Every structure is written in C-alpha cells, then in structure tokens.
Amino acid sequence: MQDFDYLARESNAAWLAGGGDGRFDRYEKFYQSERVQHADEFDLEKANEEYSDWSAGQPSQFLSMLSAPWFGRVSIALFCLYMSCRLVPGLAKAMPEATGAALVAAFIGLRIFHRRRRKRQ
C-alpha cells in the first residue's frame, strides 16, 4: 500500500517536503536566523518552541492582504463598476437625457481630477 499523503497540499508530508502554503518557508527562515544568532548554543527544541510563539504573533497573510491599500482601491473600483452597471441602464430608460448629462459630467470630472493629479507630480 502506498502513502499518498504527500500529494495533499496541507499534509505534514507536503509541508516537510517544502510544498504547500508557505509555512515551511517561514519556518526555514526562522530556523536559519536562529542558527545564525545562537550559533554556539543552538537548541532545536527551544527554537521550535520559540517558533510557535513567534508564528502566533505574526499577522495572517490573508488579513495582511485585506488590509493592504491596493486591495481597498480595487474593491471600491469593482463595487463602483458593479453599481454603475446596475444603475445606468435603469436610469437611461427612465431619464435618457439626464443620464447622458450625468455620464458626460462624470467623465469630464475624472479627466480634470487626473490632469490635476499629474500636474502635482
């Protein structure tokens, strides 16, 4: 019977082989830095205990991505795009002239905003 545990990304065998979600890479960096700092009196058991404390104090990668400024900008842009795709056709049926004028004003406003921003840089 063969052991196919190494094929699963989240398995311990895959983690020890360096595969998976990056936990092994973080552990390896921590391990190497501990060996360099405490070269003469390095203790693997103590380093492993310190790694569990260190990793518990690190923010999750998912939360770090969610709190990044680019993620907020992309989320807002996608939300605005979604809402405009839902609202503009309905408004265009009800008030075509007003919708056209609002779209022209919005595009001119965006051009002015970006032109002023480029002049500042």
PDB file of N, CA and C in Angstrom:
ATOM      1  N   MET A   1       0.843  -1.170   0.000  1.00  0.00           N
ATOM      2  CA  MET A   1       0.000   0.000   0.000  1.00  0.00           C
ATOM      3  C   MET A   1       0.897   1.244   0.000  1.00  0.00           C
ATOM      4  N   GLN A   2       0.582   2.192  -0.858  1.00  0.00           N
ATOM      5  CA  GLN A   2       1.390   3.400  -0.952  1.00  0.00           C
ATOM      6  C   GLN A   2       0.775   4.521  -0.125  1.00  0.00           C
ATOM      7  N   ASP A   3       1.646   5.389   0.346  1.00  0.00           N
ATOM      8  CA  ASP A   3       1.202   6.542   1.117  1.00  0.00           C
ATOM      9  C   ASP A   3       1.132   7.752   0.183  1.00  0.00           C
ATOM     10  N   PHE A   4      -0.069   8.226  -0.075  1.00  0.00           N
ATOM     11  CA  PHE A   4      -0.261   9.365  -0.965  1.00  0.00           C
ATOM     12  C   PHE A   4      -0.476  10.658  -0.192  1.00  0.00           C
ATOM     13  N   ASP A   5      -0.090  10.670   1.059  1.00  0.00           N
ATOM     14  CA  ASP A   5      -0.277  11.841   1.901  1.00  0.00           C
ATOM     15  C   ASP A   5       0.482  13.052   1.364  1.00  0.00           C
ATOM     16  N   TYR A   6       1.617  12.820   0.737  1.00  0.00           N
ATOM     17  CA  TYR A   6       2.435  13.926   0.250  1.00  0.00           C
ATOM     18  C   TYR A   6       1.754  14.696  -0.881  1.00  0.00           C
ATOM     19  N   LEU A   7       0.725  14.129  -1.487  1.00  0.00           N
ATOM     20  CA  LEU A   7       0.035  14.796  -2.588  1.00  0.00           C
ATOM     21  C   LEU A   7      -0.909  15.897  -2.108  1.00  0.00           C
ATOM     22  N   ALA A   8      -1.362  15.809  -0.871  1.00  0.00           N
ATOM     23  CA  ALA A   8      -2.259  16.833  -0.327  1.00  0.00           C
ATOM     24  C   ALA A   8      -1.428  18.036   0.107  1.00  0.00           C
ATOM     25  N   ARG A   9      -1.830  19.232  -0.325  1.00  0.00           N
ATOM     26  CA  ARG A   9      -1.053  20.438  -0.027  1.00  0.00           C
ATOM     27  C   ARG A   9      -0.945  20.722   1.468  1.00  0.00           C
ATOM     28  N   GLU A  10      -1.983  20.412   2.228  1.00  0.00           N
ATOM     29  CA  GLU A  10      -1.990  20.747   3.646  1.00  0.00           C
ATOM     30  C   GLU A  10      -1.443  19.630   4.532  1.00  0.00           C
ATOM     31  N   SER A  11      -0.965  18.555   3.957  1.00  0.00           N
ATOM     32  CA  SER A  11      -0.497  17.437   4.775  1.00  0.00           C
ATOM     33  C   SER A  11       0.870  17.747   5.377  1.00  0.00           C
ATOM     34  N   ASN A  12       1.197  17.039   6.455  1.00  0.00           N
ATOM     35  CA  ASN A  12       2.502  17.213   7.086  1.00  0.00           C
ATOM     36  C   ASN A  12       3.623  16.777   6.161  1.00  0.00           C
ATOM     37  N   ALA A  13       3.392  15.718   5.387  1.00  0.00           N
ATOM     38  CA  ALA A  13       4.427  15.245   4.467  1.00  0.00           C
ATOM     39  C   ALA A  13       4.728  16.302   3.405  1.00  0.00           C
ATOM     40  N   ALA A  14       3.701  16.946   2.875  1.00  0.00           N
ATOM     41  CA  ALA A  14       3.915  18.007   1.890  1.00  0.00           C
ATOM     42  C   ALA A  14       4.604  19.199   2.539  1.00  0.00           C
ATOM     43  N   TRP A  15       4.241  19.503   3.780  1.00  0.00           N
ATOM     44  CA  TRP A  15       4.859  20.616   4.485  1.00  0.00           C
ATOM     45  C   TRP A  15       6.341  20.355   4.701  1.00  0.00           C
ATOM     46  N   LEU A  16       6.675  19.140   5.118  1.00  0.00           N
ATOM     47  CA  LEU A  16       8.074  18.804   5.353  1.00  0.00           C
ATOM     48  C   LEU A  16       8.877  18.743   4.060  1.00  0.00           C
ATOM     49  N   ALA A  17       8.214  18.433   2.963  1.00  0.00           N
ATOM     50  CA  ALA A  17       8.896  18.394   1.670  1.00  0.00           C
ATOM     51  C   ALA A  17       9.039  19.795   1.074  1.00  0.00           C
ATOM     52  N   GLY A  18       8.496  20.794   1.737  1.00  0.00           N
ATOM     53  CA  GLY A  18       8.603  22.162   1.246  1.00  0.00           C
ATOM     54  C   GLY A  18       7.458  22.570   0.359  1.00  0.00           C
ATOM     55  N   GLY A  19       6.446  21.743   0.226  1.00  0.00           N
ATOM     56  CA  GLY A  19       5.295  22.092  -0.604  1.00  0.00           C
ATOM     57  C   GLY A  19       4.204  22.698   0.234  1.00  0.00           C
ATOM     58  N   GLY A  20       3.200  23.193  -0.414  1.00  0.00           N
ATOM     59  CA  GLY A  20       2.053  23.686   0.329  1.00  0.00           C
ATOM     60  C   GLY A  20       1.948  25.187   0.340  1.00  0.00           C
ATOM     61  N   ASP A  21       1.527  25.747   1.466  1.00  0.00           N
ATOM     62  CA  ASP A  21       1.103  27.140   1.534  1.00  0.00           C
ATOM     63  C   ASP A  21       2.149  28.115   2.056  1.00  0.00           C
ATOM     64  N   GLY A  22       3.395  27.743   2.129  1.00  0.00           N
ATOM     65  CA  GLY A  22       4.434  28.668   2.545  1.00  0.00           C
ATOM     66  C   GLY A  22       4.818  28.578   4.004  1.00  0.00           C
ATOM     67  N   ARG A  23       4.175  27.717   4.773  1.00  0.00           N
ATOM     68  CA  ARG A  23       4.537  27.599   6.191  1.00  0.00           C
ATOM     69  C   ARG A  23       5.956  27.081   6.348  1.00  0.00           C
ATOM     70  N   PHE A  24       6.359  26.147   5.487  1.00  0.00           N
ATOM     71  CA  PHE A  24       7.706  25.603   5.597  1.00  0.00           C
ATOM     72  C   PHE A  24       8.747  26.685   5.320  1.00  0.00           C
ATOM     73  N   ASP A  25       8.489  27.526   4.338  1.00  0.00           N
ATOM     74  CA  ASP A  25       9.434  28.602   4.021  1.00  0.00           C
ATOM     75  C   ASP A  25       9.593  29.553   5.196  1.00  0.00           C
ATOM     76  N   ARG A  26       8.480  29.908   5.862  1.00  0.00           N
ATOM     77  CA  ARG A  26       8.564  30.783   7.032  1.00  0.00           C
ATOM     78  C   ARG A  26       9.328  30.103   8.163  1.00  0.00           C
ATOM     79  N   TYR A  27       9.071  28.810   8.364  1.00  0.00           N
ATOM     80  CA  TYR A  27       9.789  28.090   9.408  1.00  0.00           C
ATOM     81  C   TYR A  27      11.276  28.022   9.080  1.00  0.00           C
ATOM     82  N   GLU A  28      11.598  27.772   7.831  1.00  0.00           N
ATOM     83  CA  GLU A  28      13.003  27.655   7.436  1.00  0.00           C
ATOM     84  C   GLU A  28      13.744  28.978   7.645  1.00  0.00           C
ATOM     85  N   LYS A  29      13.117  30.094   7.316  1.00  0.00           N
ATOM     86  CA  LYS A  29      13.744  31.406   7.543  1.00  0.00           C
ATOM     87  C   LYS A  29      13.970  31.644   9.029  1.00  0.00           C
ATOM     88  N   PHE A  30      12.965  31.310   9.839  1.00  0.00           N
ATOM     89  CA  PHE A  30      13.107  31.478  11.283  1.00  0.00           C
ATOM     90  C   PHE A  30      14.224  30.589  11.818  1.00  0.00           C
ATOM     91  N   TYR A  31      14.243  29.354  11.372  1.00  0.00           N
ATOM     92  CA  TYR A  31      15.248  28.390  11.820  1.00  0.00           C
ATOM     93  C   TYR A  31      16.651  28.873  11.465  1.00  0.00           C
ATOM     94  N   GLN A  32      16.850  29.330  10.237  1.00  0.00           N
ATOM     95  CA  GLN A  32      18.177  29.790   9.813  1.00  0.00           C
ATOM     96  C   GLN A  32      18.608  31.029  10.594  1.00  0.00           C
ATOM     97  N   SER A  33      17.681  31.949  10.835  1.00  0.00           N
ATOM     98  CA  SER A  33      18.050  33.144  11.599  1.00  0.00           C
ATOM     99  C   SER A  33      18.397  32.789  13.047  1.00  0.00           C
ATOM    100  N   GLU A  34      17.695  31.832  13.626  1.00  0.00           N
ATOM    101  CA  GLU A  34      18.023  31.393  14.987  1.00  0.00           C
ATOM    102  C   GLU A  34      19.394  30.722  15.035  1.00  0.00           C
ATOM    103  N   ARG A  35      19.705  29.938  14.028  1.00  0.00           N
ATOM    104  CA  ARG A  35      21.025  29.280  13.991  1.00  0.00           C
ATOM    105  C   ARG A  35      22.137  30.299  13.875  1.00  0.00           C
ATOM    106  N   VAL A  36      21.912  31.361  13.114  1.00  0.00           N
ATOM    107  CA  VAL A  36      22.938  32.394  12.964  1.00  0.00           C
ATOM    108  C   VAL A  36      23.086  33.185  14.262  1.00  0.00           C
ATOM    109  N   GLN A  37      21.971  33.529  14.898  1.00  0.00           N
ATOM    110  CA  GLN A  37      22.023  34.328  16.121  1.00  0.00           C
ATOM    111  C   GLN A  37      22.619  33.554  17.293  1.00  0.00           C
ATOM    112  N   HIS A  38      22.273  32.287  17.414  1.00  0.00           N
ATOM    113  CA  HIS A  38      22.725  31.472  18.548  1.00  0.00           C
ATOM    114  C   HIS A  38      23.577  30.309  18.045  1.00  0.00           C
ATOM    115  N   ALA A  39      24.613  30.614  17.300  1.00  0.00           N
ATOM    116  CA  ALA A  39      25.412  29.564  16.656  1.00  0.00           C
ATOM    117  C   ALA A  39      26.102  28.662  17.680  1.00  0.00           C
ATOM    118  N   ASP A  40      26.612  29.229  18.760  1.00  0.00           N
ATOM    119  CA  ASP A  40      27.372  28.416  19.714  1.00  0.00           C
ATOM    120  C   ASP A  40      26.488  27.602  20.652  1.00  0.00           C
ATOM    121  N   GLU A  41      25.304  28.085  20.956  1.00  0.00           N
ATOM    122  CA  GLU A  41      24.433  27.371  21.899  1.00  0.00           C
ATOM    123  C   GLU A  41      23.044  27.127  21.306  1.00  0.00           C
ATOM    124  N   PHE A  42      22.988  26.663  20.077  1.00  0.00           N
ATOM    125  CA  PHE A  42      21.705  26.441  19.401  1.00  0.00           C
ATOM    126  C   PHE A  42      21.034  25.189  19.945  1.00  0.00           C
ATOM    127  N   ASP A  43      19.749  25.320  20.279  1.00  0.00           N
ATOM    128  CA  ASP A  43      18.955  24.201  20.770  1.00  0.00           C
ATOM    129  C   ASP A  43      17.694  24.113  19.908  1.00  0.00           C
ATOM    130  N   LEU A  44      17.544  23.003  19.189  1.00  0.00           N
ATOM    131  CA  LEU A  44      16.432  22.855  18.253  1.00  0.00           C
ATOM    132  C   LEU A  44      15.081  22.853  18.969  1.00  0.00           C
ATOM    133  N   GLU A  45      14.994  22.191  20.112  1.00  0.00           N
ATOM    134  CA  GLU A  45      13.720  22.158  20.839  1.00  0.00           C
ATOM    135  C   GLU A  45      13.301  23.555  21.289  1.00  0.00           C
ATOM    136  N   LYS A  46      14.260  24.308  21.793  1.00  0.00           N
ATOM    137  CA  LYS A  46      13.968  25.674  22.223  1.00  0.00           C
ATOM    138  C   LYS A  46      13.571  26.541  21.022  1.00  0.00           C
ATOM    139  N   ALA A  47      14.255  26.350  19.904  1.00  0.00           N
ATOM    140  CA  ALA A  47      13.929  27.113  18.687  1.00  0.00           C
ATOM    141  C   ALA A  47      12.521  26.787  18.205  1.00  0.00           C
ATOM    142  N   ASN A  48      12.129  25.524  18.282  1.00  0.00           N
ATOM    143  CA  ASN A  48      10.778  25.143  17.863  1.00  0.00           C
ATOM    144  C   ASN A  48       9.715  25.757  18.769  1.00  0.00           C
ATOM    145  N   GLU A  49       9.987  25.805  20.067  1.00  0.00           N
ATOM    146  CA  GLU A  49       9.045  26.438  20.990  1.00  0.00           C
ATOM    147  C   GLU A  49       8.955  27.941  20.724  1.00  0.00           C
ATOM    148  N   GLU A  50      10.100  28.565  20.454  1.00  0.00           N
ATOM    149  CA  GLU A  50      10.090  29.988  20.139  1.00  0.00           C
ATOM    150  C   GLU A  50       9.384  30.253  18.814  1.00  0.00           C
ATOM    151  N   TYR A  51       9.505  29.314  17.880  1.00  0.00           N
ATOM    152  CA  TYR A  51       8.829  29.494  16.590  1.00  0.00           C
ATOM    153  C   TYR A  51       7.315  29.494  16.769  1.00  0.00           C
ATOM    154  N   SER A  52       6.809  28.640  17.638  1.00  0.00           N
ATOM    155  CA  SER A  52       5.354  28.625  17.841  1.00  0.00           C
ATOM    156  C   SER A  52       4.887  29.953  18.427  1.00  0.00           C
ATOM    157  N   ASP A  53       5.663  30.520  19.353  1.00  0.00           N
ATOM    158  CA  ASP A  53       5.305  31.833  19.905  1.00  0.00           C
ATOM    159  C   ASP A  53       5.430  32.924  18.845  1.00  0.00           C
ATOM    160  N   TRP A  54       6.508  32.853  18.062  1.00  0.00           N
ATOM    161  CA  TRP A  54       6.744  33.858  17.023  1.00  0.00           C
ATOM    162  C   TRP A  54       5.658  33.809  15.955  1.00  0.00           C
ATOM    163  N   SER A  55       5.305  32.610  15.515  1.00  0.00           N
ATOM    164  CA  SER A  55       4.308  32.494  14.446  1.00  0.00           C
ATOM    165  C   SER A  55       2.914  32.885  14.936  1.00  0.00           C
ATOM    166  N   ALA A  56       2.639  32.674  16.222  1.00  0.00           N
ATOM    167  CA  ALA A  56       1.341  33.089  16.758  1.00  0.00           C
ATOM    168  C   ALA A  56       1.224  34.612  16.786  1.00  0.00           C
ATOM    169  N   GLY A  57       2.353  35.291  16.913  1.00  0.00           N
ATOM    170  CA  GLY A  57       2.347  36.750  16.946  1.00  0.00           C
ATOM    171  C   GLY A  57       2.336  37.399  15.580  1.00  0.00           C
ATOM    172  N   GLN A  58       2.567  36.634  14.531  1.00  0.00           N
ATOM    173  CA  GLN A  58       2.593  37.180  13.171  1.00  0.00           C
ATOM    174  C   GLN A  58       1.175  37.320  12.629  1.00  0.00           C
ATOM    175  N   PRO A  59       0.906  38.407  11.908  1.00  0.00           N
ATOM    176  CA  PRO A  59      -0.433  38.543  11.314  1.00  0.00           C
ATOM    177  C   PRO A  59      -0.614  37.539  10.183  1.00  0.00           C
ATOM    178  N   SER A  60      -1.839  37.137   9.959  1.00  0.00           N
ATOM    179  CA  SER A  60      -2.101  36.175   8.899  1.00  0.00           C
ATOM    180  C   SER A  60      -1.902  36.840   7.541  1.00  0.00           C
ATOM    181  N   GLN A  61      -1.490  36.058   6.562  1.00  0.00           N
ATOM    182  CA  GLN A  61      -1.253  36.600   5.228  1.00  0.00           C
ATOM    183  C   GLN A  61      -2.556  37.079   4.603  1.00  0.00           C
ATOM    184  N   PHE A  62      -3.634  36.384   4.887  1.00  0.00           N
ATOM    185  CA  PHE A  62      -4.929  36.782   4.340  1.00  0.00           C
ATOM    186  C   PHE A  62      -5.352  38.139   4.889  1.00  0.00           C
ATOM    187  N   LEU A  63      -5.201  38.336   6.203  1.00  0.00           N
ATOM    188  CA  LEU A  63      -5.567  39.619   6.795  1.00  0.00           C
ATOM    189  C   LEU A  63      -4.637  40.729   6.336  1.00  0.00           C
ATOM    190  N   SER A  64      -3.370  40.403   6.122  1.00  0.00           N
ATOM    191  CA  SER A  64      -2.439  41.402   5.605  1.00  0.00           C
ATOM    192  C   SER A  64      -2.849  41.847   4.210  1.00  0.00           C
ATOM    193  N   MET A  65      -3.288  40.899   3.396  1.00  0.00           N
ATOM    194  CA  MET A  65      -3.734  41.242   2.052  1.00  0.00           C
ATOM    195  C   MET A  65      -4.994  42.108   2.120  1.00  0.00           C
ATOM    196  N   LEU A  66      -5.928  41.755   3.006  1.00  0.00           N
ATOM    197  CA  LEU A  66      -7.169  42.519   3.118  1.00  0.00           C
ATOM    198  C   LEU A  66      -6.936  43.945   3.605  1.00  0.00           C
ATOM    199  N   SER A  67      -5.905  44.158   4.403  1.00  0.00           N
ATOM    200  CA  SER A  67      -5.650  45.497   4.930  1.00  0.00           C
ATOM    201  C   SER A  67      -4.714  46.311   4.044  1.00  0.00           C
ATOM    202  N   ALA A  68      -4.256  45.746   2.947  1.00  0.00           N
ATOM    203  CA  ALA A  68      -3.368  46.474   2.035  1.00  0.00           C
ATOM    204  C   ALA A  68      -4.146  47.574   1.312  1.00  0.00           C
ATOM    205  N   PRO A  69      -3.509  48.729   1.080  1.00  0.00           N
ATOM    206  CA  PRO A  69      -4.208  49.833   0.407  1.00  0.00           C
ATOM    207  C   PRO A  69      -4.692  49.477  -0.997  1.00  0.00           C
ATOM    208  N   TRP A  70      -3.929  48.709  -1.727  1.00  0.00           N
ATOM    209  CA  TRP A  70      -4.331  48.368  -3.099  1.00  0.00           C
ATOM    210  C   TRP A  70      -5.608  47.538  -3.102  1.00  0.00           C
ATOM    211  N   PHE A  71      -5.790  46.698  -2.084  1.00  0.00           N
ATOM    212  CA  PHE A  71      -6.988  45.864  -2.029  1.00  0.00           C
ATOM    213  C   PHE A  71      -8.238  46.724  -1.843  1.00  0.00           C
ATOM    214  N   GLY A  72      -8.133  47.744  -1.004  1.00  0.00           N
ATOM    215  CA  GLY A  72      -9.261  48.649  -0.812  1.00  0.00           C
ATOM    216  C   GLY A  72      -9.612  49.403  -2.085  1.00  0.00           C
ATOM    217  N   ARG A  73      -8.588  49.859  -2.788  1.00  0.00           N
ATOM    218  CA  ARG A  73      -8.837  50.587  -4.041  1.00  0.00           C
ATOM    219  C   ARG A  73      -9.496  49.695  -5.081  1.00  0.00           C
ATOM    220  N   VAL A  74      -8.997  48.475  -5.199  1.00  0.00           N
ATOM    221  CA  VAL A  74      -9.571  47.540  -6.174  1.00  0.00           C
ATOM    222  C   VAL A  74     -11.009  47.195  -5.790  1.00  0.00           C
ATOM    223  N   SER A  75     -11.260  46.985  -4.511  1.00  0.00           N
ATOM    224  CA  SER A  75     -12.620  46.663  -4.053  1.00  0.00           C
ATOM    225  C   SER A  75     -13.595  47.797  -4.361  1.00  0.00           C
ATOM    226  N   ILE A  76     -13.174  49.020  -4.093  1.00  0.00           N
ATOM    227  CA  ILE A  76     -14.039  50.168  -4.366  1.00  0.00           C
ATOM    228  C   ILE A  76     -14.287  50.312  -5.861  1.00  0.00           C
ATOM    229  N   ALA A  77     -13.239  50.124  -6.663  1.00  0.00           N
ATOM    230  CA  ALA A  77     -13.407  50.235  -8.119  1.00  0.00           C
ATOM    231  C   ALA A  77     -14.372  49.174  -8.641  1.00  0.00           C
ATOM    232  N   LEU A  78     -14.231  47.949  -8.162  1.00  0.00           N
ATOM    233  CA  LEU A  78     -15.135  46.885  -8.611  1.00  0.00           C
ATOM    234  C   LEU A  78     -16.572  47.131  -8.149  1.00  0.00           C
ATOM    235  N   PHE A  79     -16.733  47.637  -6.933  1.00  0.00           N
ATOM    236  CA  PHE A  79     -18.073  47.946  -6.437  1.00  0.00           C
ATOM    237  C   PHE A  79     -18.714  49.061  -7.264  1.00  0.00           C
ATOM    238  N   CYS A  80     -17.943  50.095  -7.571  1.00  0.00           N
ATOM    239  CA  CYS A  80     -18.476  51.191  -8.397  1.00  0.00           C
ATOM    240  C   CYS A  80     -18.838  50.696  -9.790  1.00  0.00           C
ATOM    241  N   LEU A  81     -18.001  49.848 -10.347  1.00  0.00           N
ATOM    242  CA  LEU A  81     -18.295  49.293 -11.666  1.00  0.00           C
ATOM    243  C   LEU A  81     -19.577  48.463 -11.632  1.00  0.00           C
ATOM    244  N   TYR A  82     -19.719  47.641 -10.609  1.00  0.00           N
ATOM    245  CA  TYR A  82     -20.919  46.815 -10.468  1.00  0.00           C
ATOM    246  C   TYR A  82     -22.172  47.682 -10.323  1.00  0.00           C
ATOM    247  N   MET A  83     -22.097  48.675  -9.447  1.00  0.00           N
ATOM    248  CA  MET A  83     -23.270  49.520  -9.212  1.00  0.00           C
ATOM    249  C   MET A  83     -23.626  50.338 -10.450  1.00  0.00           C
ATOM    250  N   SER A  84     -22.610  50.812 -11.157  1.00  0.00           N
ATOM    251  CA  SER A  84     -22.920  51.586 -12.364  1.00  0.00           C
ATOM    252  C   SER A  84     -23.526  50.695 -13.439  1.00  0.00           C
ATOM    253  N   CYS A  85     -23.087  49.451 -13.520  1.00  0.00           N
ATOM    254  CA  CYS A  85     -23.688  48.521 -14.490  1.00  0.00           C
ATOM    255  C   CYS A  85     -25.139  48.209 -14.138  1.00  0.00           C
ATOM    256  N   ARG A  86     -25.471  48.271 -12.874  1.00  0.00           N
ATOM    257  CA  ARG A  86     -26.849  48.000 -12.457  1.00  0.00           C
ATOM    258  C   ARG A  86     -27.736  49.244 -12.573  1.00  0.00           C
ATOM    259  N   LEU A  87     -27.181  50.419 -12.265  1.00  0.00           N
ATOM    260  CA  LEU A  87     -27.996  51.632 -12.200  1.00  0.00           C
ATOM    261  C   LEU A  87     -28.153  52.352 -13.537  1.00  0.00           C
ATOM    262  N   VAL A  88     -27.088  52.442 -14.311  1.00  0.00           N
ATOM    263  CA  VAL A  88     -27.126  53.251 -15.536  1.00  0.00           C
ATOM    264  C   VAL A  88     -28.191  52.767 -16.519  1.00  0.00           C
ATOM    265  N   PRO A  89     -28.317  51.476 -16.805  1.00  0.00           N
ATOM    266  CA  PRO A  89     -29.369  51.074 -17.752  1.00  0.00           C
ATOM    267  C   PRO A  89     -30.786  51.431 -17.272  1.00  0.00           C
ATOM    268  N   GLY A  90     -31.037  51.265 -15.999  1.00  0.00           N
ATOM    269  CA  GLY A  90     -32.361  51.608 -15.466  1.00  0.00           C
ATOM    270  C   GLY A  90     -32.633  53.097 -15.535  1.00  0.00           C
ATOM    271  N   LEU A  91     -31.629  53.896 -15.199  1.00  0.00           N
ATOM    272  CA  LEU A  91     -31.800  55.348 -15.281  1.00  0.00           C
ATOM    273  C   LEU A  91     -31.912  55.815 -16.727  1.00  0.00           C
ATOM    274  N   ALA A  92     -31.184  55.158 -17.622  1.00  0.00           N
ATOM    275  CA  ALA A  92     -31.232  55.550 -19.035  1.00  0.00           C
ATOM    276  C   ALA A  92     -32.614  55.295 -19.628  1.00  0.00           C
ATOM    277  N   LYS A  93     -33.298  54.269 -19.161  1.00  0.00           N
ATOM    278  CA  LYS A  93     -34.668  54.018 -19.641  1.00  0.00           C
ATOM    279  C   LYS A  93     -35.635  55.071 -19.112  1.00  0.00           C
ATOM    280  N   ALA A  94     -35.456  55.452 -17.854  1.00  0.00           N
ATOM    281  CA  ALA A  94     -36.378  56.403 -17.237  1.00  0.00           C
ATOM    282  C   ALA A  94     -36.097  57.840 -17.680  1.00  0.00           C
ATOM    283  N   MET A  95     -34.826  58.244 -17.648  1.00  0.00           N
ATOM    284  CA  MET A  95     -34.450  59.627 -17.986  1.00  0.00           C
ATOM    285  C   MET A  95     -33.200  59.612 -18.865  1.00  0.00           C
ATOM    286  N   PRO A  96     -33.330  59.411 -20.157  1.00  0.00           N
ATOM    287  CA  PRO A  96     -32.143  59.277 -21.008  1.00  0.00           C
ATOM    288  C   PRO A  96     -31.292  60.546 -21.088  1.00  0.00           C
ATOM    289  N   GLU A  97     -31.907  61.732 -21.162  1.00  0.00           N
ATOM    290  CA  GLU A  97     -31.119  62.964 -21.281  1.00  0.00           C
ATOM    291  C   GLU A  97     -30.343  63.239 -19.995  1.00  0.00           C
ATOM    292  N   ALA A  98     -30.996  63.080 -18.867  1.00  0.00           N
ATOM    293  CA  ALA A  98     -30.335  63.336 -17.584  1.00  0.00           C
ATOM    294  C   ALA A  98     -29.207  62.335 -17.343  1.00  0.00           C
ATOM    295  N   THR A  99     -29.417  61.095 -17.717  1.00  0.00           N
ATOM    296  CA  THR A  99     -28.374  60.081 -17.548  1.00  0.00           C
ATOM    297  C   THR A  99     -27.178  60.397 -18.435  1.00  0.00           C
ATOM    298  N   GLY A 100     -27.434  60.783 -19.670  1.00  0.00           N
ATOM    299  CA  GLY A 100     -26.338  61.157 -20.573  1.00  0.00           C
ATOM    300  C   GLY A 100     -25.556  62.340 -20.043  1.00  0.00           C
ATOM    301  N   ALA A 101     -26.263  63.352 -19.541  1.00  0.00           N
ATOM    302  CA  ALA A 101     -25.589  64.531 -18.986  1.00  0.00           C
ATOM    303  C   ALA A 101     -24.762  64.152 -17.758  1.00  0.00           C
ATOM    304  N   ALA A 102     -25.290  63.286 -16.912  1.00  0.00           N
ATOM    305  CA  ALA A 102     -24.551  62.857 -15.717  1.00  0.00           C
ATOM    306  C   ALA A 102     -23.297  62.075 -16.100  1.00  0.00           C
ATOM    307  N   LEU A 103     -23.395  61.219 -17.111  1.00  0.00           N
ATOM    308  CA  LEU A 103     -22.220  60.463 -17.554  1.00  0.00           C
ATOM    309  C   LEU A 103     -21.159  61.379 -18.154  1.00  0.00           C
ATOM    310  N   VAL A 104     -21.577  62.336 -18.963  1.00  0.00           N
ATOM    311  CA  VAL A 104     -20.623  63.294 -19.540  1.00  0.00           C
ATOM    312  C   VAL A 104     -19.950  64.087 -18.426  1.00  0.00           C
ATOM    313  N   ALA A 105     -20.717  64.547 -17.448  1.00  0.00           N
ATOM    314  CA  ALA A 105     -20.145  65.294 -16.324  1.00  0.00           C
ATOM    315  C   ALA A 105     -19.173  64.428 -15.524  1.00  0.00           C
ATOM    316  N   ALA A 106     -19.504  63.170 -15.330  1.00  0.00           N
ATOM    317  CA  ALA A 106     -18.615  62.274 -14.581  1.00  0.00           C
ATOM    318  C   ALA A 106     -17.303  62.053 -15.331  1.00  0.00           C
ATOM    319  N   PHE A 107     -17.366  61.837 -16.632  1.00  0.00           N
ATOM    320  CA  PHE A 107     -16.136  61.621 -17.401  1.00  0.00           C
ATOM    321  C   PHE A 107     -15.278  62.881 -17.458  1.00  0.00           C
ATOM    322  N   ILE A 108     -15.907  64.048 -17.615  1.00  0.00           N
ATOM    323  CA  ILE A 108     -15.141  65.300 -17.608  1.00  0.00           C
ATOM    324  C   ILE A 108     -14.512  65.520 -16.232  1.00  0.00           C
ATOM    325  N   GLY A 109     -15.257  65.240 -15.170  1.00  0.00           N
ATOM    326  CA  GLY A 109     -14.710  65.359 -13.814  1.00  0.00           C
ATOM    327  C   GLY A 109     -13.521  64.444 -13.587  1.00  0.00           C
ATOM    328  N   LEU A 110     -13.592  63.229 -14.093  1.00  0.00           N
ATOM    329  CA  LEU A 110     -12.457  62.310 -13.960  1.00  0.00           C
ATOM    330  C   LEU A 110     -11.237  62.817 -14.716  1.00  0.00           C
ATOM    331  N   ARG A 111     -11.444  63.369 -15.909  1.00  0.00           N
ATOM    332  CA  ARG A 111     -10.320  63.911 -16.688  1.00  0.00           C
ATOM    333  C   ARG A 111      -9.657  65.061 -15.938  1.00  0.00           C
ATOM    334  N   ILE A 112     -10.470  65.967 -15.382  1.00  0.00           N
ATOM    335  CA  ILE A 112      -9.919  67.101 -14.637  1.00  0.00           C
ATOM    336  C   ILE A 112      -9.170  66.608 -13.406  1.00  0.00           C
ATOM    337  N   PHE A 113      -9.738  65.665 -12.689  1.00  0.00           N
ATOM    338  CA  PHE A 113      -9.104  65.116 -11.488  1.00  0.00           C
ATOM    339  C   PHE A 113      -7.745  64.506 -11.814  1.00  0.00           C
ATOM    340  N   HIS A 114      -7.680  63.700 -12.860  1.00  0.00           N
ATOM    341  CA  HIS A 114      -6.413  63.050 -13.212  1.00  0.00           C
ATOM    342  C   HIS A 114      -5.402  64.048 -13.767  1.00  0.00           C
ATOM    343  N   ARG A 115      -5.858  65.063 -14.486  1.00  0.00           N
ATOM    344  CA  ARG A 115      -4.935  66.074 -15.013  1.00  0.00           C
ATOM    345  C   ARG A 115      -4.316  66.860 -13.865  1.00  0.00           C
ATOM    346  N   ARG A 116      -5.113  67.259 -12.871  1.00  0.00           N
ATOM    347  CA  ARG A 116      -4.580  67.981 -11.708  1.00  0.00           C
ATOM    348  C   ARG A 116      -3.598  67.111 -10.934  1.00  0.00           C
ATOM    349  N   ARG A 117      -3.898  65.858 -10.836  1.00  0.00           N
ATOM    350  CA  ARG A 117      -3.020  64.942 -10.099  1.00  0.00           C
ATOM    351  C   ARG A 117      -1.673  64.790 -10.801  1.00  0.00           C
ATOM    352  N   ARG A 118      -1.684  64.736 -12.138  1.00  0.00           N
ATOM    353  CA  ARG A 118      -0.430  64.622 -12.892  1.00  0.00           C
ATOM    354  C   ARG A 118       0.397  65.894 -12.779  1.00  0.00           C
ATOM    355  N   LYS A 119      -0.252  67.055 -12.720  1.00  0.00           N
ATOM    356  CA  LYS A 119       0.480  68.320 -12.603  1.00  0.00           C
ATOM    357  C   LYS A 119       1.195  68.417 -11.259  1.00  0.00           C
ATOM    358  N   ARG A 120       0.607  67.872 -10.208  1.00  0.00           N
ATOM    359  CA  ARG A 120       1.228  67.903  -8.878  1.00  0.00           C
ATOM    360  C   ARG A 120       2.488  67.058  -8.827  1.00  0.00           C
ATOM    361  N   GLN A 121       2.517  66.006  -9.583  1.00  0.00           N
ATOM    362  CA  GLN A 121       3.682  65.107  -9.552  1.00  0.00           C
ATOM    363  C   GLN A 121       4.725  65.657 -10.462  1.00  0.00           C
TER     364      GLN A 121
END
